[in-house]
């Protein structure tokens, strides 16, 4: 059975282009990047062109973290990555990040 994949909307193309442009503008080689709400894990591809050194994906759901990790592992990136289950909207988020010793150069939430 052949299933037709609907074409990507022009708005989604524009959104992806804007995210890539922002990443390329602010990122720099070997930076450590933190992506909040990384459930989809799709933006890890966008960081490759910027030659970042390390990516930290944070999400509130264990399934989202696992999915993002699997996607990253299946696509061999030129940087290291780790994925952490934390809720960025939690009042104690900042303390939890400090407790884990997470230090980054760039934080994004797209």
Protein backbone atom coordinates (compact mmCIF):
# COMPACT_ATOMS: atom_id res chain seq x y z
CA UNK A 1 0.00 0.00 0.00
CA UNK A 2 1.45 3.35 -1.03
CA UNK A 3 0.71 6.24 1.26
CA UNK A 4 1.17 9.72 -0.12
CA UNK A 5 3.10 12.08 2.11
CA UNK A 6 1.51 15.53 2.14
CA UNK A 7 3.82 18.29 0.94
CA UNK A 8 5.34 20.50 3.57
CA UNK A 9 3.47 23.77 3.96
CA UNK A 10 5.18 27.02 2.90
CA UNK A 11 4.82 28.24 6.49
CA UNK A 12 6.77 25.26 7.79
CA UNK A 13 9.52 25.88 5.21
CA UNK A 14 9.72 29.51 6.33
CA UNK A 15 9.76 28.48 10.00
CA UNK A 16 12.61 26.00 9.38
CA UNK A 17 14.53 28.62 7.37
CA UNK A 18 14.12 31.17 10.17
CA UNK A 19 15.35 28.70 12.80
CA UNK A 20 18.39 27.83 10.69
CA UNK A 21 19.18 31.51 10.11
CA UNK A 22 18.96 32.31 13.82
CA UNK A 23 21.13 29.33 14.71
CA UNK A 24 23.76 30.28 12.13
CA UNK A 25 23.77 33.88 13.32
CA UNK A 26 24.27 33.17 17.03
CA UNK A 27 26.16 29.87 17.10
CA UNK A 28 29.92 29.64 16.90
CA UNK A 29 32.36 26.75 16.53
CA UNK A 30 32.74 24.46 19.55
CA UNK A 31 29.96 26.17 21.52
CA UNK A 32 27.91 24.20 24.01
CA UNK A 33 24.24 24.54 23.14
CA UNK A 34 21.19 23.83 25.27
CA UNK A 35 17.92 23.15 23.48
CA UNK A 36 14.88 23.45 25.74
CA UNK A 37 11.83 21.32 24.90
CA UNK A 38 13.86 19.18 22.49
CA UNK A 39 11.11 16.52 22.18
CA UNK A 40 11.27 16.25 18.41
CA UNK A 41 15.05 16.35 18.25
CA UNK A 42 14.77 17.67 14.71
CA UNK A 43 16.77 20.84 15.32
CA UNK A 44 19.97 18.91 16.06
CA UNK A 45 20.55 18.81 12.28
CA UNK A 46 20.53 22.60 12.16
CA UNK A 47 23.44 22.86 14.62
CA UNK A 48 25.81 20.81 12.41
CA UNK A 49 26.55 23.67 10.01
CA UNK A 50 27.54 25.89 12.94
CA UNK A 51 30.16 23.38 14.09
CA UNK A 52 29.02 23.37 17.71
CA UNK A 53 30.94 21.14 20.06
CA UNK A 54 28.24 19.85 22.38
CA UNK A 55 24.44 19.79 22.45
CA UNK A 56 22.32 19.36 25.58
CA UNK A 57 18.68 18.59 24.91
CA UNK A 58 16.28 19.16 27.80
CA UNK A 59 12.64 18.14 27.87
CA UNK A 60 9.97 17.52 30.46
CA UNK A 61 8.91 14.13 29.10
CA UNK A 62 10.95 10.93 29.26
CA UNK A 63 9.48 9.78 25.95
CA UNK A 64 10.49 13.08 24.30
CA UNK A 65 14.03 12.79 25.64
CA UNK A 66 14.29 9.18 24.47
CA UNK A 67 12.95 10.04 21.02
CA UNK A 68 15.38 12.95 20.63
CA UNK A 69 18.29 10.74 21.79
CA UNK A 70 17.38 7.96 19.34
CA UNK A 71 17.04 10.43 16.48
CA UNK A 72 20.44 11.94 17.28
CA UNK A 73 22.10 8.51 17.60
CA UNK A 74 20.69 7.39 14.25
CA UNK A 75 22.01 10.44 12.39
CA UNK A 76 25.67 10.56 13.46
CA UNK A 77 26.47 14.16 14.28
CA UNK A 78 29.92 15.78 14.36
CA UNK A 79 29.34 16.89 17.97
CA UNK A 80 28.63 15.19 21.28
CA UNK A 81 25.19 15.31 22.85
CA UNK A 82 23.32 14.47 26.00
CA UNK A 83 19.62 14.49 26.70
CA UNK A 84 18.15 15.25 30.10
CA UNK A 85 14.65 14.95 31.48
CA UNK A 86 13.88 18.21 33.28
CA UNK A 87 10.88 20.51 33.10
CA UNK A 88 12.04 23.97 31.98
CA UNK A 89 8.78 25.48 33.25
CA UNK A 90 9.31 24.12 36.77
CA UNK A 91 10.03 26.74 39.46
CA UNK A 92 13.11 24.76 40.55
CA UNK A 93 14.54 24.39 37.04
CA UNK A 94 17.44 26.80 37.53
CA UNK A 95 18.49 25.08 40.76
CA UNK A 96 18.30 21.66 39.08
CA UNK A 97 20.49 22.86 36.21
CA UNK A 98 23.05 24.28 38.64
CA UNK A 99 22.93 21.07 40.70
CA UNK A 100 23.75 19.03 37.58
CA UNK A 101 26.61 21.41 36.75
CA UNK A 102 25.23 22.25 33.32
CA UNK A 103 27.06 25.15 31.73
CA UNK A 104 26.29 26.30 28.20
CA UNK A 105 27.17 29.08 25.78
CA UNK A 106 23.80 29.26 24.00
CA UNK A 107 20.27 28.44 25.16
CA UNK A 108 17.48 28.12 22.63
CA UNK A 109 13.82 27.23 22.77
CA UNK A 110 12.32 26.80 19.34
